[in-house]
Amino acid sequence: MKPSIFSLLLLLSIFTLPLAAQDNLPRAAETFEVAGHKAFVYAASKPAEGKPWVWYAPTLRNLAFGERKLYFESFMKAGISIAGFDLGEVRGAPASTAKFTLFYEAMVKRGWSPKPILLGQSRGGMMTLAWAVRHPDKVRAWVGIYPVCNLASWPLKNSKAATLADFALPEAELVAKLKEFNPADNLQGLLANKVPMFVVHGDSDVVVPYDDNTKLLKDRYEAGGGKITVKIVPGEGHKVGPAFFECQELVDFVLKQLPPAPKK
């Protein structure tokens, strides 16, 4: 049975209204500020052992979570909460990554797991992966939906102004220091901590090309002995659709990251 227009609009409204206005809506988020930026947590009614959470990015107010209904409901049912932190259009620079760390510390202080599952969509892949390579011991798993993994790809080609602003560097200097900042060039910590990864990506993506991003990450991670599962969607590009937002393999991967329940 297809959902009604009303239910779709209601679901969409939950994720597009300003966070402060969500308190009267179903599954209201807890909201708080960190370093002057808005953070939110959709807490599972019955958290799983250890209070696991998915850290979703990007958290931008012009992006709705409505098309991610399967993920939202599956995680909630399993006791996995969902949280995010709105820094705007950042690209994984050390300064913005440090602000993400403040959010992480605030979440842990509130009692959530010290090892979240990071889930980055598109440029959210760069945001989460940049944080992960700098804090590999604090990551339970990393998940990408057509993610930006390579700073030399989409950020410097299609989003140059925002990227240079985030790094506060002129283009020539950023290019010269690319290997220092690029997550795809700094996977050693994630490999040492045996962080598992899952990615779903279309092979016809021209916005975030598969070969320059997910394939590059996969080749390098596997070469280092890492475990990464990639689901390639034939003929699909950078779009909102069921292939990417109703991916049961993604759900199954996330649920497998739950710590085992204590023995009675």
Foldseek 3Di string as FASTA:
>chain_A
DDDDPVVLVLQQCCQQPPLVPNCPHPQRWDWDDAPRWIKTKSFQPAADPQAEEEEEDDRDNVDTCSLQVQQQVLCSVLRYMYMYIHPDLAQLAPVVLVSVVRVLVVCVVVRHHQAYEYEYEASRLRSVLSNCLVPVVRHLAYEYELYAQFCVPQCCPPPNVNHCVNNVHPPVVCVVCRLVRHSLNRCVSNLVNQHEYEYEFECPAPNSHCVRGVVSSVVSQVVSVHHYHYHYDYPDYRDRDCSRNVPVVVSVVVSVSRDDDDDD
